[in-house]
Amino acid sequence: MRASDLIGRQAYDRGGRPLGRITELLTTPTDECYVVRAALVTPGHEGRLMGYSRPGFDGPWLIQRIVELLNRGTHEVAWEDIRLDPGA
């Protein structure tokens, strides 16, 4: 499965309740590939975060503020806690 197959999809918790849409994948490198460890999920705006949600990222304050407003409510969810099908 490719990252593009996951980004933009609706994510659900273990109980089948909607969490929001997946906007970014957080990965960990292994010897052979990258493994998804978590996803950033947003209940509102589905746009890309442009890296502004990452800790320590510093950019123009106006752009950073606009991105923060558009993506409020965005949070990190461990991959094992995400379901892509509410019935799964």
PDB file of N, CA and C in Angstrom:
ATOM      1  N   MET A   1       0.841  -1.168   0.000  1.00  0.00           N
ATOM      2  CA  MET A   1       0.000   0.000   0.000  1.00  0.00           C
ATOM      3  C   MET A   1       0.895   1.242   0.000  1.00  0.00           C
ATOM      4  N   ARG A   2       0.491   2.247  -0.740  1.00  0.00           N
ATOM      5  CA  ARG A   2       1.248   3.492  -0.838  1.00  0.00           C
ATOM      6  C   ARG A   2       0.676   4.539   0.114  1.00  0.00           C
ATOM      7  N   ALA A   3       1.506   5.493   0.466  1.00  0.00           N
ATOM      8  CA  ALA A   3       1.051   6.590   1.333  1.00  0.00           C
ATOM      9  C   ALA A   3      -0.113   7.327   0.685  1.00  0.00           C
ATOM     10  N   SER A   4      -0.071   7.477  -0.626  1.00  0.00           N
ATOM     11  CA  SER A   4      -1.149   8.193  -1.324  1.00  0.00           C
ATOM     12  C   SER A   4      -2.493   7.461  -1.216  1.00  0.00           C
ATOM     13  N   ASP A   5      -2.458   6.160  -0.920  1.00  0.00           N
ATOM     14  CA  ASP A   5      -3.695   5.408  -0.713  1.00  0.00           C
ATOM     15  C   ASP A   5      -4.308   5.716   0.649  1.00  0.00           C
ATOM     16  N   LEU A   6      -3.507   6.232   1.583  1.00  0.00           N
ATOM     17  CA  LEU A   6      -3.971   6.475   2.948  1.00  0.00           C
ATOM     18  C   LEU A   6      -4.288   7.936   3.223  1.00  0.00           C
ATOM     19  N   ILE A   7      -3.500   8.842   2.652  1.00  0.00           N
ATOM     20  CA  ILE A   7      -3.703  10.264   2.912  1.00  0.00           C
ATOM     21  C   ILE A   7      -5.027  10.703   2.299  1.00  0.00           C
ATOM     22  N   GLY A   8      -5.830  11.350   3.147  1.00  0.00           N
ATOM     23  CA  GLY A   8      -7.152  11.802   2.716  1.00  0.00           C
ATOM     24  C   GLY A   8      -8.263  10.856   3.117  1.00  0.00           C
ATOM     25  N   ARG A   9      -7.929   9.657   3.551  1.00  0.00           N
ATOM     26  CA  ARG A   9      -8.956   8.694   3.955  1.00  0.00           C
ATOM     27  C   ARG A   9      -9.476   8.995   5.347  1.00  0.00           C
ATOM     28  N   GLN A  10     -10.721   8.640   5.558  1.00  0.00           N
ATOM     29  CA  GLN A  10     -11.342   8.775   6.872  1.00  0.00           C
ATOM     30  C   GLN A  10     -10.743   7.735   7.813  1.00  0.00           C
ATOM     31  N   ALA A  11     -10.375   8.159   9.011  1.00  0.00           N
ATOM     32  CA  ALA A  11      -9.839   7.254  10.029  1.00  0.00           C
ATOM     33  C   ALA A  11     -10.872   7.096  11.136  1.00  0.00           C
ATOM     34  N   TYR A  12     -10.920   5.895  11.702  1.00  0.00           N
ATOM     35  CA  TYR A  12     -11.853   5.585  12.782  1.00  0.00           C
ATOM     36  C   TYR A  12     -11.075   5.017  13.957  1.00  0.00           C
ATOM     37  N   ASP A  13     -11.630   5.169  15.162  1.00  0.00           N
ATOM     38  CA  ASP A  13     -10.990   4.545  16.316  1.00  0.00           C
ATOM     39  C   ASP A  13     -11.424   3.091  16.398  1.00  0.00           C
ATOM     40  N   ARG A  14     -10.963   2.401  17.423  1.00  0.00           N
ATOM     41  CA  ARG A  14     -11.266   0.966  17.557  1.00  0.00           C
ATOM     42  C   ARG A  14     -12.756   0.693  17.705  1.00  0.00           C
ATOM     43  N   GLY A  15     -13.496   1.669  18.206  1.00  0.00           N
ATOM     44  CA  GLY A  15     -14.941   1.507  18.373  1.00  0.00           C
ATOM     45  C   GLY A  15     -15.745   1.879  17.140  1.00  0.00           C
ATOM     46  N   GLY A  16     -15.067   2.300  16.070  1.00  0.00           N
ATOM     47  CA  GLY A  16     -15.755   2.665  14.834  1.00  0.00           C
ATOM     48  C   GLY A  16     -16.179   4.125  14.767  1.00  0.00           C
ATOM     49  N   ARG A  17     -15.785   4.930  15.755  1.00  0.00           N
ATOM     50  CA  ARG A  17     -16.125   6.356  15.745  1.00  0.00           C
ATOM     51  C   ARG A  17     -15.126   7.109  14.869  1.00  0.00           C
ATOM     52  N   PRO A  18     -15.614   8.047  14.056  1.00  0.00           N
ATOM     53  CA  PRO A  18     -14.709   8.777  13.164  1.00  0.00           C
ATOM     54  C   PRO A  18     -13.758   9.689  13.932  1.00  0.00           C
ATOM     55  N   LEU A  19     -12.492   9.661  13.528  1.00  0.00           N
ATOM     56  CA  LEU A  19     -11.465  10.523  14.113  1.00  0.00           C
ATOM     57  C   LEU A  19     -11.201  11.747  13.240  1.00  0.00           C
ATOM     58  N   GLY A  20     -11.403  11.605  11.956  1.00  0.00           N
ATOM     59  CA  GLY A  20     -11.108  12.648  10.986  1.00  0.00           C
ATOM     60  C   GLY A  20     -10.370  12.047   9.805  1.00  0.00           C
ATOM     61  N   ARG A  21      -9.803  12.914   8.994  1.00  0.00           N
ATOM     62  CA  ARG A  21      -9.078  12.459   7.806  1.00  0.00           C
ATOM     63  C   ARG A  21      -7.577  12.433   8.071  1.00  0.00           C
ATOM     64  N   ILE A  22      -6.918  11.457   7.482  1.00  0.00           N
ATOM     65  CA  ILE A  22      -5.467  11.325   7.606  1.00  0.00           C
ATOM     66  C   ILE A  22      -4.809  12.384   6.724  1.00  0.00           C
ATOM     67  N   THR A  23      -3.932  13.206   7.323  1.00  0.00           N
ATOM     68  CA  THR A  23      -3.250  14.247   6.553  1.00  0.00           C
ATOM     69  C   THR A  23      -1.771  13.947   6.347  1.00  0.00           C
ATOM     70  N   GLU A  24      -1.155  13.248   7.292  1.00  0.00           N
ATOM     71  CA  GLU A  24       0.253  12.885   7.158  1.00  0.00           C
ATOM     72  C   GLU A  24       0.506  11.566   7.862  1.00  0.00           C
ATOM     73  N   LEU A  25       1.528  10.857   7.398  1.00  0.00           N
ATOM     74  CA  LEU A  25       1.946   9.612   8.027  1.00  0.00           C
ATOM     75  C   LEU A  25       3.294   9.827   8.693  1.00  0.00           C
ATOM     76  N   LEU A  26       3.453   9.319   9.895  1.00  0.00           N
ATOM     77  CA  LEU A  26       4.717   9.404  10.618  1.00  0.00           C
ATOM     78  C   LEU A  26       5.334   8.011  10.583  1.00  0.00           C
ATOM     79  N   THR A  27       6.555   7.930  10.084  1.00  0.00           N
ATOM     80  CA  THR A  27       7.181   6.628   9.852  1.00  0.00           C
ATOM     81  C   THR A  27       8.482   6.482  10.630  1.00  0.00           C
ATOM     82  N   THR A  28       8.908   5.232  10.729  1.00  0.00           N
ATOM     83  CA  THR A  28      10.193   4.876  11.331  1.00  0.00           C
ATOM     84  C   THR A  28      10.940   4.011  10.329  1.00  0.00           C
ATOM     85  N   PRO A  29      12.203   4.343  10.045  1.00  0.00           N
ATOM     86  CA  PRO A  29      12.952   3.525   9.089  1.00  0.00           C
ATOM     87  C   PRO A  29      13.377   2.197   9.707  1.00  0.00           C
ATOM     88  N   THR A  30      13.351   1.158   8.888  1.00  0.00           N
ATOM     89  CA  THR A  30      13.893  -0.147   9.268  1.00  0.00           C
ATOM     90  C   THR A  30      15.002  -0.461   8.265  1.00  0.00           C
ATOM     91  N   ASP A  31      15.566  -1.646   8.348  1.00  0.00           N
ATOM     92  CA  ASP A  31      16.636  -2.012   7.420  1.00  0.00           C
ATOM     93  C   ASP A  31      16.157  -2.061   5.975  1.00  0.00           C
ATOM     94  N   GLU A  32      14.907  -2.424   5.772  1.00  0.00           N
ATOM     95  CA  GLU A  32      14.416  -2.639   4.408  1.00  0.00           C
ATOM     96  C   GLU A  32      13.392  -1.625   3.929  1.00  0.00           C
ATOM     97  N   CYS A  33      12.687  -0.971   4.846  1.00  0.00           N
ATOM     98  CA  CYS A  33      11.623  -0.064   4.432  1.00  0.00           C
ATOM     99  C   CYS A  33      11.281   0.897   5.569  1.00  0.00           C
ATOM    100  N   TYR A  34      10.233   1.654   5.363  1.00  0.00           N
ATOM    101  CA  TYR A  34       9.712   2.521   6.407  1.00  0.00           C
ATOM    102  C   TYR A  34       8.417   1.914   6.930  1.00  0.00           C
ATOM    103  N   VAL A  35       8.233   1.978   8.244  1.00  0.00           N
ATOM    104  CA  VAL A  35       7.038   1.427   8.874  1.00  0.00           C
ATOM    105  C   VAL A  35       6.225   2.582   9.446  1.00  0.00           C
ATOM    106  N   VAL A  36       4.929   2.602   9.152  1.00  0.00           N
ATOM    107  CA  VAL A  36       4.059   3.652   9.678  1.00  0.00           C
ATOM    108  C   VAL A  36       3.858   3.421  11.173  1.00  0.00           C
ATOM    109  N   ARG A  37       4.163   4.436  11.989  1.00  0.00           N
ATOM    110  CA  ARG A  37       4.000   4.322  13.437  1.00  0.00           C
ATOM    111  C   ARG A  37       2.823   5.140  13.943  1.00  0.00           C
ATOM    112  N   ALA A  38       2.447   6.183  13.195  1.00  0.00           N
ATOM    113  CA  ALA A  38       1.333   7.037  13.607  1.00  0.00           C
ATOM    114  C   ALA A  38       0.865   7.842  12.406  1.00  0.00           C
ATOM    115  N   ALA A  39      -0.274   8.499  12.583  1.00  0.00           N
ATOM    116  CA  ALA A  39      -0.805   9.373  11.543  1.00  0.00           C
ATOM    117  C   ALA A  39      -1.281  10.660  12.187  1.00  0.00           C
ATOM    118  N   LEU A  40      -1.185  11.748  11.437  1.00  0.00           N
ATOM    119  CA  LEU A  40      -1.800  12.990  11.871  1.00  0.00           C
ATOM    120  C   LEU A  40      -3.201  12.999  11.283  1.00  0.00           C
ATOM    121  N   VAL A  41      -4.172  13.217  12.148  1.00  0.00           N
ATOM    122  CA  VAL A  41      -5.575  13.162  11.752  1.00  0.00           C
ATOM    123  C   VAL A  41      -6.206  14.502  12.068  1.00  0.00           C
ATOM    124  N   THR A  42      -6.979  15.031  11.140  1.00  0.00           N
ATOM    125  CA  THR A  42      -7.641  16.309  11.351  1.00  0.00           C
ATOM    126  C   THR A  42      -9.150  16.162  11.203  1.00  0.00           C
ATOM    127  N   PRO A  43      -9.911  16.717  12.129  1.00  0.00           N
ATOM    128  CA  PRO A  43     -11.361  16.624  12.035  1.00  0.00           C
ATOM    129  C   PRO A  43     -11.954  17.620  11.048  1.00  0.00           C
ATOM    130  N   GLY A  44     -11.196  18.618  10.661  1.00  0.00           N
ATOM    131  CA  GLY A  44     -11.738  19.673   9.807  1.00  0.00           C
ATOM    132  C   GLY A  44     -11.102  19.716   8.440  1.00  0.00           C
ATOM    133  N   HIS A  45     -10.348  20.765   8.203  1.00  0.00           N
ATOM    134  CA  HIS A  45      -9.709  21.024   6.915  1.00  0.00           C
ATOM    135  C   HIS A  45      -8.851  19.848   6.492  1.00  0.00           C
ATOM    136  N   GLU A  46      -8.969  19.456   5.229  1.00  0.00           N
ATOM    137  CA  GLU A  46      -8.260  18.279   4.740  1.00  0.00           C
ATOM    138  C   GLU A  46      -6.961  18.604   4.030  1.00  0.00           C
ATOM    139  N   GLY A  47      -6.551  19.850   4.046  1.00  0.00           N
ATOM    140  CA  GLY A  47      -5.346  20.228   3.321  1.00  0.00           C
ATOM    141  C   GLY A  47      -4.080  19.715   3.973  1.00  0.00           C
ATOM    142  N   ARG A  48      -3.008  19.782   3.229  1.00  0.00           N
ATOM    143  CA  ARG A  48      -1.706  19.356   3.757  1.00  0.00           C
ATOM    144  C   ARG A  48      -1.239  20.339   4.816  1.00  0.00           C
ATOM    145  N   LEU A  49      -0.452  19.860   5.735  1.00  0.00           N
ATOM    146  CA  LEU A  49       0.020  20.687   6.839  1.00  0.00           C
ATOM    147  C   LEU A  49       1.292  21.446   6.502  1.00  0.00           C
ATOM    148  N   MET A  50       1.909  21.161   5.383  1.00  0.00           N
ATOM    149  CA  MET A  50       3.108  21.833   4.903  1.00  0.00           C
ATOM    150  C   MET A  50       4.245  21.790   5.918  1.00  0.00           C
ATOM    151  N   GLY A  51       4.258  20.788   6.797  1.00  0.00           N
ATOM    152  CA  GLY A  51       5.335  20.644   7.761  1.00  0.00           C
ATOM    153  C   GLY A  51       5.189  21.501   9.002  1.00  0.00           C
ATOM    154  N   TYR A  52       4.215  22.381   9.037  1.00  0.00           N
ATOM    155  CA  TYR A  52       4.075  23.296  10.160  1.00  0.00           C
ATOM    156  C   TYR A  52       3.584  22.616  11.434  1.00  0.00           C
ATOM    157  N   SER A  53       3.124  21.390  11.351  1.00  0.00           N
ATOM    158  CA  SER A  53       2.656  20.688  12.546  1.00  0.00           C
ATOM    159  C   SER A  53       3.784  19.953  13.251  1.00  0.00           C
ATOM    160  N   ARG A  54       4.943  19.904  12.636  1.00  0.00           N
ATOM    161  CA  ARG A  54       6.069  19.170  13.212  1.00  0.00           C
ATOM    162  C   ARG A  54       6.749  19.995  14.294  1.00  0.00           C
ATOM    163  N   PRO A  55       7.120  19.364  15.389  1.00  0.00           N
ATOM    164  CA  PRO A  55       7.796  20.088  16.470  1.00  0.00           C
ATOM    165  C   PRO A  55       9.105  20.709  15.992  1.00  0.00           C
ATOM    166  N   GLY A  56       9.366  21.924  16.432  1.00  0.00           N
ATOM    167  CA  GLY A  56      10.614  22.587  16.107  1.00  0.00           C
ATOM    168  C   GLY A  56      10.650  23.251  14.740  1.00  0.00           C
ATOM    169  N   PHE A  57       9.572  23.140  13.970  1.00  0.00           N
ATOM    170  CA  PHE A  57       9.557  23.775  12.651  1.00  0.00           C
ATOM    171  C   PHE A  57       9.238  25.246  12.830  1.00  0.00           C
ATOM    172  N   ASP A  58      10.054  26.094  12.240  1.00  0.00           N
ATOM    173  CA  ASP A  58       9.865  27.527  12.380  1.00  0.00           C
ATOM    174  C   ASP A  58       9.825  28.132  10.992  1.00  0.00           C
ATOM    175  N   GLY A  59       8.791  28.877  10.706  1.00  0.00           N
ATOM    176  CA  GLY A  59       8.653  29.496   9.405  1.00  0.00           C
ATOM    177  C   GLY A  59       8.046  30.873   9.560  1.00  0.00           C
ATOM    178  N   PRO A  60       7.663  31.498   8.459  1.00  0.00           N
ATOM    179  CA  PRO A  60       7.037  32.821   8.545  1.00  0.00           C
ATOM    180  C   PRO A  60       5.807  32.772   9.459  1.00  0.00           C
ATOM    181  N   TRP A  61       5.717  33.689  10.400  1.00  0.00           N
ATOM    182  CA  TRP A  61       4.667  33.655  11.415  1.00  0.00           C
ATOM    183  C   TRP A  61       3.273  33.717  10.821  1.00  0.00           C
ATOM    184  N   LEU A  62       3.077  34.487   9.755  1.00  0.00           N
ATOM    185  CA  LEU A  62       1.735  34.622   9.179  1.00  0.00           C
ATOM    186  C   LEU A  62       1.276  33.298   8.577  1.00  0.00           C
ATOM    187  N   ILE A  63       2.140  32.660   7.810  1.00  0.00           N
ATOM    188  CA  ILE A  63       1.779  31.364   7.215  1.00  0.00           C
ATOM    189  C   ILE A  63       1.558  30.330   8.311  1.00  0.00           C
ATOM    190  N   GLN A  64       2.429  30.340   9.303  1.00  0.00           N
ATOM    191  CA  GLN A  64       2.288  29.397  10.414  1.00  0.00           C
ATOM    192  C   GLN A  64       0.951  29.592  11.125  1.00  0.00           C
ATOM    193  N   ARG A  65       0.562  30.809  11.346  1.00  0.00           N
ATOM    194  CA  ARG A  65      -0.712  31.096  12.035  1.00  0.00           C
ATOM    195  C   ARG A  65      -1.911  30.653  11.194  1.00  0.00           C
ATOM    196  N   ILE A  66      -1.872  30.895   9.903  1.00  0.00           N
ATOM    197  CA  ILE A  66      -2.971  30.481   9.017  1.00  0.00           C
ATOM    198  C   ILE A  66      -3.104  28.965   9.022  1.00  0.00           C
ATOM    199  N   VAL A  67      -1.983  28.264   8.908  1.00  0.00           N
ATOM    200  CA  VAL A  67      -2.004  26.802   8.919  1.00  0.00           C
ATOM    201  C   VAL A  67      -2.538  26.288  10.256  1.00  0.00           C
ATOM    202  N   GLU A  68      -2.134  26.915  11.368  1.00  0.00           N
ATOM    203  CA  GLU A  68      -2.642  26.517  12.689  1.00  0.00           C
ATOM    204  C   GLU A  68      -4.152  26.670  12.771  1.00  0.00           C
ATOM    205  N   LEU A  69      -4.681  27.769  12.254  1.00  0.00           N
ATOM    206  CA  LEU A  69      -6.126  27.998  12.289  1.00  0.00           C
ATOM    207  C   LEU A  69      -6.885  26.985  11.430  1.00  0.00           C
ATOM    208  N   LEU A  70      -6.359  26.718  10.248  1.00  0.00           N
ATOM    209  CA  LEU A  70      -7.015  25.770   9.348  1.00  0.00           C
ATOM    210  C   LEU A  70      -6.980  24.345   9.892  1.00  0.00           C
ATOM    211  N   ASN A  71      -5.955  24.034  10.661  1.00  0.00           N
ATOM    212  CA  ASN A  71      -5.763  22.659  11.093  1.00  0.00           C
ATOM    213  C   ASN A  71      -5.919  22.464  12.596  1.00  0.00           C
ATOM    214  N   ARG A  72      -6.661  23.344  13.250  1.00  0.00           N
ATOM    215  CA  ARG A  72      -6.866  23.147  14.689  1.00  0.00           C
ATOM    216  C   ARG A  72      -7.647  21.858  14.899  1.00  0.00           C
ATOM    217  N   GLY A  73      -7.291  21.164  15.923  1.00  0.00           N
ATOM    218  CA  GLY A  73      -7.901  19.868  16.185  1.00  0.00           C
ATOM    219  C   GLY A  73      -7.109  18.709  15.615  1.00  0.00           C
ATOM    220  N   THR A  74      -6.072  19.019  14.843  1.00  0.00           N
ATOM    221  CA  THR A  74      -5.226  17.966  14.284  1.00  0.00           C
ATOM    222  C   THR A  74      -4.423  17.328  15.408  1.00  0.00           C
ATOM    223  N   HIS A  75      -4.373  16.015  15.407  1.00  0.00           N
ATOM    224  CA  HIS A  75      -3.643  15.322  16.465  1.00  0.00           C
ATOM    225  C   HIS A  75      -3.028  14.036  15.929  1.00  0.00           C
ATOM    226  N   GLU A  76      -2.038  13.561  16.673  1.00  0.00           N
ATOM    227  CA  GLU A  76      -1.337  12.339  16.301  1.00  0.00           C
ATOM    228  C   GLU A  76      -2.055  11.143  16.917  1.00  0.00           C
ATOM    229  N   VAL A  77      -2.250  10.105  16.101  1.00  0.00           N
ATOM    230  CA  VAL A  77      -2.889   8.875  16.567  1.00  0.00           C
ATOM    231  C   VAL A  77      -1.973   7.708  16.214  1.00  0.00           C
ATOM    232  N   ALA A  78      -1.697   6.859  17.193  1.00  0.00           N
ATOM    233  CA  ALA A  78      -0.864   5.683  16.939  1.00  0.00           C
ATOM    234  C   ALA A  78      -1.503   4.816  15.857  1.00  0.00           C
ATOM    235  N   TRP A  79      -0.692   4.289  14.973  1.00  0.00           N
ATOM    236  CA  TRP A  79      -1.205   3.524  13.841  1.00  0.00           C
ATOM    237  C   TRP A  79      -2.046   2.322  14.276  1.00  0.00           C
ATOM    238  N   GLU A  80      -1.636   1.670  15.360  1.00  0.00           N
ATOM    239  CA  GLU A  80      -2.392   0.500  15.807  1.00  0.00           C
ATOM    240  C   GLU A  80      -3.773   0.862  16.351  1.00  0.00           C
ATOM    241  N   ASP A  81      -4.023   2.150  16.603  1.00  0.00           N
ATOM    242  CA  ASP A  81      -5.332   2.594  17.102  1.00  0.00           C
ATOM    243  C   ASP A  81      -6.247   3.084  15.989  1.00  0.00           C
ATOM    244  N   ILE A  82      -5.784   3.051  14.743  1.00  0.00           N
ATOM    245  CA  ILE A  82      -6.561   3.540  13.609  1.00  0.00           C
ATOM    246  C   ILE A  82      -7.170   2.389  12.843  1.00  0.00           C
ATOM    247  N   ARG A  83      -8.426   2.563  12.473  1.00  0.00           N
ATOM    248  CA  ARG A  83      -9.119   1.646  11.576  1.00  0.00           C
ATOM    249  C   ARG A  83      -9.546   2.445  10.348  1.00  0.00           C
ATOM    250  N   LEU A  84      -9.385   1.876   9.176  1.00  0.00           N
ATOM    251  CA  LEU A  84      -9.788   2.545   7.941  1.00  0.00           C
ATOM    252  C   LEU A  84     -11.211   2.196   7.560  1.00  0.00           C
ATOM    253  N   ASP A  85     -11.732   1.138   8.142  1.00  0.00           N
ATOM    254  CA  ASP A  85     -13.113   0.703   7.934  1.00  0.00           C
ATOM    255  C   ASP A  85     -13.795   0.718   9.287  1.00  0.00           C
ATOM    256  N   PRO A  86     -14.908   1.449   9.449  1.00  0.00           N
ATOM    257  CA  PRO A  86     -15.520   1.558  10.771  1.00  0.00           C
ATOM    258  C   PRO A  86     -15.962   0.222  11.350  1.00  0.00           C
ATOM    259  N   GLY A  87     -16.174  -0.770  10.517  1.00  0.00           N
ATOM    260  CA  GLY A  87     -16.629  -2.072  10.997  1.00  0.00           C
ATOM    261  C   GLY A  87     -15.501  -3.037  11.306  1.00  0.00           C
ATOM    262  N   ALA A  88     -14.256  -2.618  11.040  1.00  0.00           N
ATOM    263  CA  ALA A  88     -13.117  -3.535  11.201  1.00  0.00           C
ATOM    264  C   ALA A  88     -12.678  -3.647  12.644  1.00  0.00           C
TER     265      ALA A  88
END
